[in-house]
Amino acid sequence: MRTHRLFVALELPDAVRGALAGPLEDLRTHLADVRWERVDKLHVTMQFLGATAPEVIEAIEVAMRGAVAGCRPHALQLAGIQGAPAPHTPRMVWARLAGDVQGLTSLRDAVGTALAPLGFAADHRPFQPHITVGRVARDASGTERRTVAAAIARCAAPPGVEWQVLSLALFESVGTRDGTRYVKRSEVGLGG
């Protein structure tokens, strides 16, 4: 049976992607040990679902509508670039988020609670709102990771673009000859 590799995420406005493009291009030119995400693929992951049977997708969409019914739109903004989870020896490169982070956390928790009855375990780790922009090579040495950290520290912060979170989307990760692309399968507006 064919499965679909799915995740629930916030789609980013073009202004946010545009604000990240400059700082990320600067980092790309200096760091070969990082696999960078394409700017058009950037998003805020709310819950990764993984390989999912086609017959479950409609129930996921119903659960998402229920999760967002009590959530109101809220404002977020870009708040800089950092290495994660340890800034001095990063495995990933993140664009941090600020603004109504509590509203975003509540939304993420509501999504996890709504999807749990469908067999998708909610993530109970503390939520750190971010946009993953790059992944450091798995085999990078400690020295290479410190070089990445130093470049991030010198990187100009992206403009603090603010935007309203108005909806949540279900995406499918589709492998192609040119790499992975994300296809939006459905979208639900906050507040029902």
N, C-alpha and C. Protein backbone atom coordinates (compact mmCIF):
# COMPACT_ATOMS: atom_id res chain seq x y z
N MET A 1 0.84 -1.19 0.00
CA MET A 1 0.00 0.00 0.00
C MET A 1 0.88 1.25 0.00
N ARG A 2 0.56 2.21 -0.84
CA ARG A 2 1.30 3.47 -0.91
C ARG A 2 0.94 4.33 0.29
N THR A 3 1.94 4.90 0.92
CA THR A 3 1.70 5.83 2.02
C THR A 3 2.13 7.22 1.59
N HIS A 4 1.71 8.20 2.37
CA HIS A 4 2.06 9.60 2.11
C HIS A 4 2.87 10.10 3.30
N ARG A 5 3.98 10.78 3.03
CA ARG A 5 4.82 11.33 4.09
C ARG A 5 4.29 12.73 4.40
N LEU A 6 3.64 12.87 5.55
CA LEU A 6 2.91 14.09 5.86
C LEU A 6 3.47 14.83 7.07
N PHE A 7 3.18 16.13 7.11
CA PHE A 7 3.46 16.95 8.29
C PHE A 7 2.48 18.11 8.32
N VAL A 8 2.24 18.61 9.54
CA VAL A 8 1.36 19.76 9.75
C VAL A 8 2.27 20.96 10.01
N ALA A 9 2.02 22.07 9.34
CA ALA A 9 2.93 23.21 9.45
C ALA A 9 2.22 24.53 9.18
N LEU A 10 2.92 25.60 9.52
CA LEU A 10 2.51 26.95 9.14
C LEU A 10 3.26 27.30 7.87
N GLU A 11 2.52 27.73 6.88
CA GLU A 11 3.13 28.20 5.65
C GLU A 11 3.62 29.63 5.91
N LEU A 12 4.76 29.99 5.34
CA LEU A 12 5.32 31.32 5.58
C LEU A 12 4.94 32.27 4.45
N PRO A 13 4.65 33.52 4.79
CA PRO A 13 4.40 34.52 3.75
C PRO A 13 5.69 34.82 2.98
N ASP A 14 5.54 35.31 1.76
CA ASP A 14 6.69 35.64 0.93
C ASP A 14 7.61 36.66 1.60
N ALA A 15 7.04 37.59 2.38
CA ALA A 15 7.87 38.61 3.04
C ALA A 15 8.84 37.98 4.03
N VAL A 16 8.41 36.92 4.71
CA VAL A 16 9.28 36.24 5.67
C VAL A 16 10.38 35.49 4.92
N ARG A 17 9.99 34.79 3.87
CA ARG A 17 11.00 34.08 3.08
C ARG A 17 12.01 35.06 2.48
N GLY A 18 11.50 36.19 2.00
CA GLY A 18 12.39 37.21 1.43
C GLY A 18 13.35 37.77 2.46
N ALA A 19 12.88 37.97 3.69
CA ALA A 19 13.73 38.51 4.75
C ALA A 19 14.83 37.52 5.13
N LEU A 20 14.57 36.23 4.99
CA LEU A 20 15.57 35.22 5.32
C LEU A 20 16.56 34.97 4.18
N ALA A 21 16.18 35.31 2.97
CA ALA A 21 17.01 34.98 1.80
C ALA A 21 18.41 35.57 1.88
N GLY A 22 18.54 36.84 2.25
CA GLY A 22 19.85 37.49 2.28
C GLY A 22 20.80 36.87 3.31
N PRO A 23 20.39 36.81 4.59
CA PRO A 23 21.27 36.20 5.59
C PRO A 23 21.63 34.75 5.25
N LEU A 24 20.69 34.00 4.71
CA LEU A 24 20.97 32.60 4.39
C LEU A 24 21.94 32.49 3.22
N GLU A 25 21.81 33.36 2.25
CA GLU A 25 22.74 33.34 1.11
C GLU A 25 24.15 33.65 1.59
N ASP A 26 24.27 34.58 2.52
CA ASP A 26 25.58 34.92 3.09
C ASP A 26 26.18 33.71 3.80
N LEU A 27 25.36 33.01 4.59
CA LEU A 27 25.85 31.82 5.28
C LEU A 27 26.21 30.71 4.30
N ARG A 28 25.42 30.54 3.26
CA ARG A 28 25.68 29.48 2.27
C ARG A 28 27.07 29.63 1.65
N THR A 29 27.46 30.86 1.40
CA THR A 29 28.75 31.09 0.73
C THR A 29 29.93 30.73 1.63
N HIS A 30 29.73 30.68 2.94
CA HIS A 30 30.82 30.42 3.88
C HIS A 30 30.80 29.04 4.51
N LEU A 31 29.71 28.31 4.38
CA LEU A 31 29.57 27.05 5.11
C LEU A 31 29.22 25.89 4.18
N ALA A 32 30.21 25.05 3.91
CA ALA A 32 29.99 23.89 3.06
C ALA A 32 29.46 22.69 3.85
N ASP A 33 29.58 22.73 5.17
CA ASP A 33 29.18 21.59 6.00
C ASP A 33 27.71 21.61 6.39
N VAL A 34 26.92 22.47 5.74
CA VAL A 34 25.50 22.59 6.08
C VAL A 34 24.67 22.30 4.83
N ARG A 35 23.63 21.48 5.00
CA ARG A 35 22.67 21.24 3.91
C ARG A 35 21.54 22.25 4.11
N TRP A 36 21.47 23.23 3.23
CA TRP A 36 20.52 24.33 3.37
C TRP A 36 19.18 23.99 2.74
N GLU A 37 18.13 24.44 3.38
CA GLU A 37 16.79 24.32 2.81
C GLU A 37 16.62 25.41 1.77
N ARG A 38 15.89 25.10 0.72
CA ARG A 38 15.54 26.14 -0.25
C ARG A 38 14.55 27.09 0.42
N VAL A 39 14.68 28.37 0.13
CA VAL A 39 13.83 29.38 0.76
C VAL A 39 12.36 29.12 0.49
N ASP A 40 12.02 28.61 -0.69
CA ASP A 40 10.61 28.37 -1.02
C ASP A 40 10.02 27.19 -0.24
N LYS A 41 10.85 26.41 0.43
CA LYS A 41 10.36 25.26 1.21
C LYS A 41 10.27 25.55 2.71
N LEU A 42 10.69 26.73 3.14
CA LEU A 42 10.71 27.04 4.57
C LEU A 42 9.30 27.08 5.14
N HIS A 43 9.16 26.60 6.38
CA HIS A 43 7.87 26.53 7.07
C HIS A 43 8.14 26.38 8.56
N VAL A 44 7.09 26.42 9.36
CA VAL A 44 7.18 26.14 10.79
C VAL A 44 6.46 24.82 11.03
N THR A 45 7.21 23.78 11.37
CA THR A 45 6.60 22.47 11.60
C THR A 45 5.85 22.48 12.93
N MET A 46 4.61 22.05 12.89
CA MET A 46 3.81 21.93 14.10
C MET A 46 3.77 20.47 14.57
N GLN A 47 3.68 19.52 13.62
CA GLN A 47 3.78 18.11 13.97
C GLN A 47 4.13 17.31 12.72
N PHE A 48 5.14 16.45 12.89
CA PHE A 48 5.53 15.55 11.82
C PHE A 48 4.70 14.28 11.96
N LEU A 49 4.10 13.83 10.89
CA LEU A 49 3.24 12.65 10.93
C LEU A 49 3.92 11.42 10.31
N GLY A 50 4.80 11.63 9.35
CA GLY A 50 5.50 10.52 8.72
C GLY A 50 4.64 9.77 7.73
N ALA A 51 5.03 8.52 7.48
CA ALA A 51 4.32 7.68 6.51
C ALA A 51 2.89 7.43 6.99
N THR A 52 1.94 7.84 6.17
CA THR A 52 0.52 7.82 6.55
C THR A 52 -0.30 7.15 5.46
N ALA A 53 -1.19 6.25 5.88
CA ALA A 53 -2.08 5.56 4.93
C ALA A 53 -3.08 6.56 4.35
N PRO A 54 -3.41 6.42 3.07
CA PRO A 54 -4.33 7.36 2.42
C PRO A 54 -5.68 7.47 3.12
N GLU A 55 -6.18 6.37 3.67
CA GLU A 55 -7.51 6.40 4.28
C GLU A 55 -7.56 7.19 5.59
N VAL A 56 -6.41 7.61 6.12
CA VAL A 56 -6.38 8.37 7.37
C VAL A 56 -6.38 9.88 7.11
N ILE A 57 -6.09 10.28 5.89
CA ILE A 57 -5.91 11.71 5.59
C ILE A 57 -7.15 12.53 5.89
N GLU A 58 -8.31 12.04 5.53
CA GLU A 58 -9.53 12.81 5.80
C GLU A 58 -9.72 13.00 7.31
N ALA A 59 -9.45 11.98 8.11
CA ALA A 59 -9.57 12.10 9.56
C ALA A 59 -8.56 13.10 10.13
N ILE A 60 -7.38 13.17 9.52
CA ILE A 60 -6.38 14.16 9.94
C ILE A 60 -6.92 15.56 9.70
N GLU A 61 -7.51 15.77 8.53
CA GLU A 61 -8.04 17.09 8.20
C GLU A 61 -9.17 17.48 9.15
N VAL A 62 -10.03 16.52 9.50
CA VAL A 62 -11.11 16.79 10.47
C VAL A 62 -10.50 17.15 11.82
N ALA A 63 -9.48 16.39 12.24
CA ALA A 63 -8.82 16.68 13.52
C ALA A 63 -8.17 18.06 13.51
N MET A 64 -7.57 18.44 12.39
CA MET A 64 -6.95 19.77 12.30
C MET A 64 -8.00 20.86 12.44
N ARG A 65 -9.16 20.69 11.80
CA ARG A 65 -10.24 21.69 11.92
C ARG A 65 -10.66 21.83 13.38
N GLY A 66 -10.78 20.70 14.08
CA GLY A 66 -11.13 20.74 15.49
C GLY A 66 -10.05 21.41 16.33
N ALA A 67 -8.79 21.16 16.00
CA ALA A 67 -7.68 21.74 16.76
C ALA A 67 -7.64 23.26 16.66
N VAL A 68 -7.94 23.80 15.50
CA VAL A 68 -7.82 25.25 15.30
C VAL A 68 -9.09 26.01 15.64
N ALA A 69 -10.19 25.30 15.88
CA ALA A 69 -11.47 25.97 16.12
C ALA A 69 -11.40 26.96 17.28
N GLY A 70 -10.67 26.61 18.33
CA GLY A 70 -10.58 27.50 19.49
C GLY A 70 -9.37 28.41 19.49
N CYS A 71 -8.59 28.39 18.41
CA CYS A 71 -7.36 29.20 18.34
C CYS A 71 -7.60 30.46 17.51
N ARG A 72 -7.17 31.56 18.00
CA ARG A 72 -7.32 32.83 17.30
C ARG A 72 -6.03 33.18 16.55
N PRO A 73 -6.14 33.94 15.47
CA PRO A 73 -4.93 34.40 14.79
C PRO A 73 -4.01 35.14 15.76
N HIS A 74 -2.71 35.03 15.51
CA HIS A 74 -1.75 35.70 16.37
C HIS A 74 -0.53 36.12 15.54
N ALA A 75 0.22 37.06 16.08
CA ALA A 75 1.36 37.63 15.35
C ALA A 75 2.67 36.98 15.77
N LEU A 76 3.51 36.71 14.76
CA LEU A 76 4.86 36.21 14.98
C LEU A 76 5.83 37.13 14.25
N GLN A 77 7.10 37.04 14.62
CA GLN A 77 8.11 37.79 13.89
C GLN A 77 9.44 37.06 13.93
N LEU A 78 10.28 37.33 12.94
CA LEU A 78 11.62 36.76 12.92
C LEU A 78 12.45 37.41 14.01
N ALA A 79 13.29 36.59 14.66
CA ALA A 79 14.08 37.10 15.79
C ALA A 79 15.53 36.65 15.73
N GLY A 80 16.08 36.44 14.55
CA GLY A 80 17.49 36.10 14.42
C GLY A 80 17.74 34.67 14.00
N ILE A 81 19.01 34.39 13.76
CA ILE A 81 19.47 33.06 13.33
C ILE A 81 20.30 32.47 14.46
N GLN A 82 20.15 31.18 14.71
CA GLN A 82 20.96 30.54 15.76
C GLN A 82 21.24 29.08 15.41
N GLY A 83 22.27 28.55 16.03
CA GLY A 83 22.56 27.13 15.94
C GLY A 83 21.76 26.40 17.00
N ALA A 84 21.38 25.16 16.71
CA ALA A 84 20.57 24.41 17.67
C ALA A 84 20.94 22.92 17.57
N PRO A 85 20.70 22.14 18.58
CA PRO A 85 20.16 22.55 19.88
C PRO A 85 21.19 23.22 20.77
N ALA A 86 22.49 23.04 20.47
CA ALA A 86 23.54 23.71 21.24
C ALA A 86 24.19 24.77 20.35
N PRO A 87 24.08 26.05 20.72
CA PRO A 87 24.58 27.11 19.85
C PRO A 87 26.07 27.00 19.49
N HIS A 88 26.89 26.42 20.39
CA HIS A 88 28.33 26.36 20.12
C HIS A 88 28.75 25.15 19.29
N THR A 89 27.90 24.12 19.23
CA THR A 89 28.17 22.93 18.41
C THR A 89 26.86 22.49 17.76
N PRO A 90 26.35 23.28 16.84
CA PRO A 90 25.00 23.04 16.30
C PRO A 90 24.90 21.81 15.39
N ARG A 91 23.72 21.23 15.41
CA ARG A 91 23.35 20.19 14.44
C ARG A 91 22.43 20.78 13.38
N MET A 92 21.78 21.90 13.74
CA MET A 92 20.85 22.56 12.83
C MET A 92 21.06 24.07 12.90
N VAL A 93 20.54 24.75 11.89
CA VAL A 93 20.52 26.21 11.87
C VAL A 93 19.06 26.62 11.82
N TRP A 94 18.66 27.47 12.75
CA TRP A 94 17.28 27.90 12.89
C TRP A 94 17.14 29.40 12.70
N ALA A 95 15.98 29.81 12.21
CA ALA A 95 15.53 31.20 12.34
C ALA A 95 14.58 31.19 13.53
N ARG A 96 14.94 31.95 14.57
CA ARG A 96 14.11 32.01 15.78
C ARG A 96 12.87 32.84 15.53
N LEU A 97 11.82 32.55 16.30
CA LEU A 97 10.58 33.30 16.21
C LEU A 97 10.28 33.97 17.53
N ALA A 98 9.67 35.14 17.45
CA ALA A 98 9.24 35.88 18.62
C ALA A 98 7.80 36.34 18.35
N GLY A 99 7.26 37.10 19.28
CA GLY A 99 5.88 37.55 19.15
C GLY A 99 5.00 36.72 20.05
N ASP A 100 3.83 36.33 19.56
CA ASP A 100 2.89 35.54 20.36
C ASP A 100 3.29 34.07 20.32
N VAL A 101 4.43 33.79 20.94
CA VAL A 101 4.95 32.43 21.00
C VAL A 101 4.01 31.54 21.82
N GLN A 102 3.37 32.10 22.84
CA GLN A 102 2.42 31.32 23.64
C GLN A 102 1.24 30.87 22.78
N GLY A 103 0.75 31.74 21.92
CA GLY A 103 -0.34 31.37 21.01
C GLY A 103 0.08 30.25 20.07
N LEU A 104 1.33 30.32 19.58
CA LEU A 104 1.84 29.29 18.70
C LEU A 104 2.01 27.96 19.46
N THR A 105 2.47 28.04 20.70
CA THR A 105 2.62 26.84 21.53
C THR A 105 1.25 26.21 21.80
N SER A 106 0.27 27.03 22.08
CA SER A 106 -1.09 26.52 22.31
C SER A 106 -1.63 25.83 21.05
N LEU A 107 -1.35 26.41 19.89
CA LEU A 107 -1.77 25.82 18.63
C LEU A 107 -1.09 24.47 18.42
N ARG A 108 0.20 24.41 18.66
CA ARG A 108 0.94 23.15 18.51
C ARG A 108 0.39 22.09 19.46
N ASP A 109 0.10 22.47 20.70
CA ASP A 109 -0.45 21.51 21.67
C ASP A 109 -1.84 21.03 21.25
N ALA A 110 -2.65 21.94 20.72
CA ALA A 110 -4.00 21.56 20.27
C ALA A 110 -3.91 20.58 19.10
N VAL A 111 -2.96 20.79 18.20
CA VAL A 111 -2.77 19.88 17.08
C VAL A 111 -2.37 18.50 17.59
N GLY A 112 -1.42 18.46 18.52
CA GLY A 112 -0.98 17.19 19.08
C GLY A 112 -2.10 16.43 19.76
N THR A 113 -2.91 17.14 20.53
CA THR A 113 -4.04 16.52 21.23
C THR A 113 -5.07 15.99 20.24
N ALA A 114 -5.35 16.75 19.19
CA ALA A 114 -6.36 16.34 18.20
C ALA A 114 -5.91 15.14 17.37
N LEU A 115 -4.62 15.03 17.11
CA LEU A 115 -4.12 13.95 16.27
C LEU A 115 -3.79 12.68 17.04
N ALA A 116 -3.65 12.78 18.36
CA ALA A 116 -3.29 11.60 19.17
C ALA A 116 -4.26 10.44 19.01
N PRO A 117 -5.58 10.66 18.99
CA PRO A 117 -6.50 9.51 18.82
C PRO A 117 -6.34 8.79 17.47
N LEU A 118 -5.67 9.43 16.52
CA LEU A 118 -5.45 8.80 15.21
C LEU A 118 -4.15 8.02 15.17
N GLY A 119 -3.46 7.98 16.31
CA GLY A 119 -2.22 7.21 16.39
C GLY A 119 -0.95 8.02 16.20
N PHE A 120 -1.07 9.34 16.15
CA PHE A 120 0.11 10.19 16.01
C PHE A 120 0.47 10.74 17.39
N ALA A 121 1.57 10.30 17.92
CA ALA A 121 1.97 10.70 19.27
C ALA A 121 2.28 12.20 19.31
N ALA A 122 1.69 12.87 20.29
CA ALA A 122 1.98 14.29 20.49
C ALA A 122 3.41 14.43 20.99
N ASP A 123 4.07 15.50 20.60
CA ASP A 123 5.43 15.79 21.04
C ASP A 123 5.34 16.57 22.34
N HIS A 124 5.84 15.98 23.43
CA HIS A 124 5.73 16.62 24.74
C HIS A 124 7.01 17.35 25.15
N ARG A 125 7.98 17.42 24.25
CA ARG A 125 9.19 18.20 24.56
C ARG A 125 8.83 19.68 24.58
N PRO A 126 9.58 20.47 25.33
CA PRO A 126 9.33 21.91 25.31
C PRO A 126 9.42 22.43 23.86
N PHE A 127 8.44 23.23 23.48
CA PHE A 127 8.36 23.74 22.12
C PHE A 127 9.27 24.95 21.96
N GLN A 128 10.13 24.91 20.95
CA GLN A 128 11.01 26.03 20.63
C GLN A 128 10.64 26.50 19.23
N PRO A 129 9.78 27.51 19.14
CA PRO A 129 9.30 27.97 17.83
C PRO A 129 10.46 28.41 16.93
N HIS A 130 10.54 27.82 15.75
CA HIS A 130 11.64 28.11 14.84
C HIS A 130 11.29 27.69 13.42
N ILE A 131 12.14 28.14 12.51
CA ILE A 131 12.11 27.71 11.12
C ILE A 131 13.46 27.05 10.87
N THR A 132 13.48 25.77 10.55
CA THR A 132 14.74 25.10 10.25
C THR A 132 15.20 25.56 8.87
N VAL A 133 16.40 26.15 8.82
CA VAL A 133 16.92 26.67 7.55
C VAL A 133 18.10 25.85 7.03
N GLY A 134 18.71 25.02 7.91
CA GLY A 134 19.83 24.20 7.48
C GLY A 134 20.13 23.11 8.49
N ARG A 135 20.78 22.07 8.00
CA ARG A 135 21.19 20.94 8.85
C ARG A 135 22.69 20.73 8.66
N VAL A 136 23.42 20.70 9.76
CA VAL A 136 24.86 20.48 9.72
C VAL A 136 25.09 19.01 9.37
N ALA A 137 26.11 18.75 8.56
CA ALA A 137 26.43 17.38 8.16
C ALA A 137 26.57 16.49 9.38
N ARG A 138 25.98 15.30 9.31
CA ARG A 138 26.02 14.37 10.45
C ARG A 138 27.44 14.04 10.87
N ASP A 139 28.33 13.94 9.90
CA ASP A 139 29.71 13.55 10.22
C ASP A 139 30.62 14.75 10.46
N ALA A 140 30.04 15.94 10.62
CA ALA A 140 30.85 17.13 10.88
C ALA A 140 31.57 16.98 12.23
N SER A 141 32.84 17.35 12.24
CA SER A 141 33.63 17.27 13.47
C SER A 141 33.24 18.40 14.42
N GLY A 142 33.73 18.32 15.64
CA GLY A 142 33.49 19.39 16.60
C GLY A 142 34.04 20.71 16.10
N THR A 143 35.19 20.67 15.44
CA THR A 143 35.79 21.89 14.90
C THR A 143 34.90 22.48 13.80
N GLU A 144 34.39 21.61 12.94
CA GLU A 144 33.51 22.09 11.86
C GLU A 144 32.22 22.68 12.44
N ARG A 145 31.69 22.07 13.48
CA ARG A 145 30.48 22.60 14.11
C ARG A 145 30.76 23.95 14.77
N ARG A 146 31.92 24.11 15.36
CA ARG A 146 32.28 25.41 15.96
C ARG A 146 32.46 26.47 14.88
N THR A 147 32.95 26.07 13.69
CA THR A 147 33.07 27.00 12.56
C THR A 147 31.68 27.46 12.12
N VAL A 148 30.73 26.53 12.07
CA VAL A 148 29.35 26.88 11.73
C VAL A 148 28.81 27.87 12.77
N ALA A 149 29.05 27.58 14.05
CA ALA A 149 28.56 28.46 15.12
C ALA A 149 29.14 29.87 14.99
N ALA A 150 30.43 29.96 14.68
CA ALA A 150 31.07 31.27 14.54
C ALA A 150 30.48 32.04 13.36
N ALA A 151 30.21 31.35 12.25
CA ALA A 151 29.62 32.02 11.08
C ALA A 151 28.21 32.52 11.40
N ILE A 152 27.45 31.71 12.14
CA ILE A 152 26.10 32.14 12.52
C ILE A 152 26.18 33.37 13.41
N ALA A 153 27.14 33.39 14.33
CA ALA A 153 27.29 34.53 15.24
C ALA A 153 27.62 35.82 14.47
N ARG A 154 28.35 35.70 13.37
CA ARG A 154 28.71 36.88 12.55
C ARG A 154 27.62 37.26 11.57
N CYS A 155 26.65 36.37 11.35
CA CYS A 155 25.61 36.59 10.35
C CYS A 155 24.71 37.76 10.74
N ALA A 156 24.38 38.56 9.77
CA ALA A 156 23.43 39.66 10.01
C ALA A 156 22.06 39.07 10.29
N ALA A 157 21.39 39.59 11.29
CA ALA A 157 20.05 39.11 11.62
C ALA A 157 19.08 39.51 10.51
N PRO A 158 18.13 38.65 10.20
CA PRO A 158 17.13 39.04 9.20
C PRO A 158 16.26 40.15 9.76
N PRO A 159 15.67 40.97 8.89
CA PRO A 159 14.75 41.99 9.38
C PRO A 159 13.66 41.32 10.22
N GLY A 160 13.22 41.98 11.28
CA GLY A 160 12.20 41.42 12.17
C GLY A 160 10.81 41.50 11.58
N VAL A 161 10.62 40.90 10.44
CA VAL A 161 9.33 40.92 9.74
C VAL A 161 8.26 40.29 10.63
N GLU A 162 7.12 40.95 10.73
CA GLU A 162 6.01 40.42 11.52
C GLU A 162 4.90 39.96 10.58
N TRP A 163 4.22 38.87 10.96
CA TRP A 163 3.10 38.39 10.17
C TRP A 163 2.06 37.76 11.07
N GLN A 164 0.86 37.64 10.53
CA GLN A 164 -0.26 37.05 11.27
C GLN A 164 -0.38 35.57 10.90
N VAL A 165 -0.46 34.74 11.92
CA VAL A 165 -0.74 33.32 11.70
C VAL A 165 -2.25 33.19 11.59
N LEU A 166 -2.72 32.85 10.41
CA LEU A 166 -4.16 32.79 10.14
C LEU A 166 -4.64 31.37 9.84
N SER A 167 -3.70 30.47 9.51
CA SER A 167 -4.12 29.13 9.11
C SER A 167 -3.02 28.11 9.39
N LEU A 168 -3.40 26.87 9.25
CA LEU A 168 -2.54 25.72 9.45
C LEU A 168 -2.71 24.82 8.24
N ALA A 169 -1.63 24.19 7.77
CA ALA A 169 -1.72 23.39 6.55
C ALA A 169 -1.19 21.97 6.76
N LEU A 170 -1.72 21.06 5.98
CA LEU A 170 -1.24 19.69 5.91
C LEU A 170 -0.42 19.58 4.63
N PHE A 171 0.85 19.21 4.79
CA PHE A 171 1.75 19.09 3.65
C PHE A 171 2.16 17.65 3.44
N GLU A 172 2.44 17.33 2.18
CA GLU A 172 3.03 16.05 1.84
C GLU A 172 4.43 16.29 1.29
N SER A 173 5.38 15.52 1.77
CA SER A 173 6.75 15.57 1.28
C SER A 173 6.86 14.57 0.14
N VAL A 174 7.13 15.08 -1.06
CA VAL A 174 7.16 14.25 -2.26
C VAL A 174 8.57 14.24 -2.83
N GLY A 175 9.14 13.03 -2.98
CA GLY A 175 10.47 12.90 -3.55
C GLY A 175 10.41 13.01 -5.07
N THR A 176 11.33 13.78 -5.62
CA THR A 176 11.45 13.92 -7.08
C THR A 176 12.91 13.74 -7.47
N ARG A 177 13.18 13.69 -8.74
CA ARG A 177 14.58 13.60 -9.19
C ARG A 177 15.40 14.80 -8.76
N ASP A 178 14.74 15.94 -8.60
CA ASP A 178 15.43 17.17 -8.22
C ASP A 178 15.43 17.41 -6.72
N GLY A 179 15.05 16.43 -5.94
CA GLY A 179 14.99 16.60 -4.49
C GLY A 179 13.55 16.51 -3.99
N THR A 180 13.37 16.90 -2.77
CA THR A 180 12.05 16.83 -2.17
C THR A 180 11.30 18.14 -2.39
N ARG A 181 10.01 18.02 -2.65
CA ARG A 181 9.17 19.22 -2.69
C ARG A 181 8.00 19.00 -1.75
N TYR A 182 7.44 20.09 -1.25
CA TYR A 182 6.33 20.02 -0.32
C TYR A 182 5.06 20.44 -1.03
N VAL A 183 4.06 19.58 -0.99
CA VAL A 183 2.78 19.84 -1.64
C VAL A 183 1.74 20.07 -0.55
N LYS A 184 1.07 21.22 -0.61
CA LYS A 184 0.02 21.50 0.37
C LYS A 184 -1.22 20.71 -0.02
N ARG A 185 -1.65 19.84 0.90
CA ARG A 185 -2.84 19.00 0.65
C ARG A 185 -4.13 19.69 1.10
N SER A 186 -4.05 20.43 2.20
CA SER A 186 -5.24 21.14 2.69
C SER A 186 -4.79 22.24 3.66
N GLU A 187 -5.73 23.12 3.96
CA GLU A 187 -5.45 24.25 4.85
C GLU A 187 -6.71 24.56 5.64
N VAL A 188 -6.54 24.87 6.93
CA VAL A 188 -7.68 25.25 7.76
C VAL A 188 -7.39 26.58 8.43
N GLY A 189 -8.40 27.44 8.47
CA GLY A 189 -8.25 28.75 9.07
C GLY A 189 -8.41 28.69 10.59
N LEU A 190 -7.63 29.45 11.30
CA LEU A 190 -7.75 29.50 12.76
C LEU A 190 -9.09 30.10 13.15
N GLY A 191 -9.61 29.61 14.25
CA GLY A 191 -10.88 30.10 14.74
C GLY A 191 -12.08 29.52 14.02
N GLY A 192 -11.87 28.45 13.26
CA GLY A 192 -12.96 27.80 12.56
C GLY A 192 -13.33 28.55 11.32
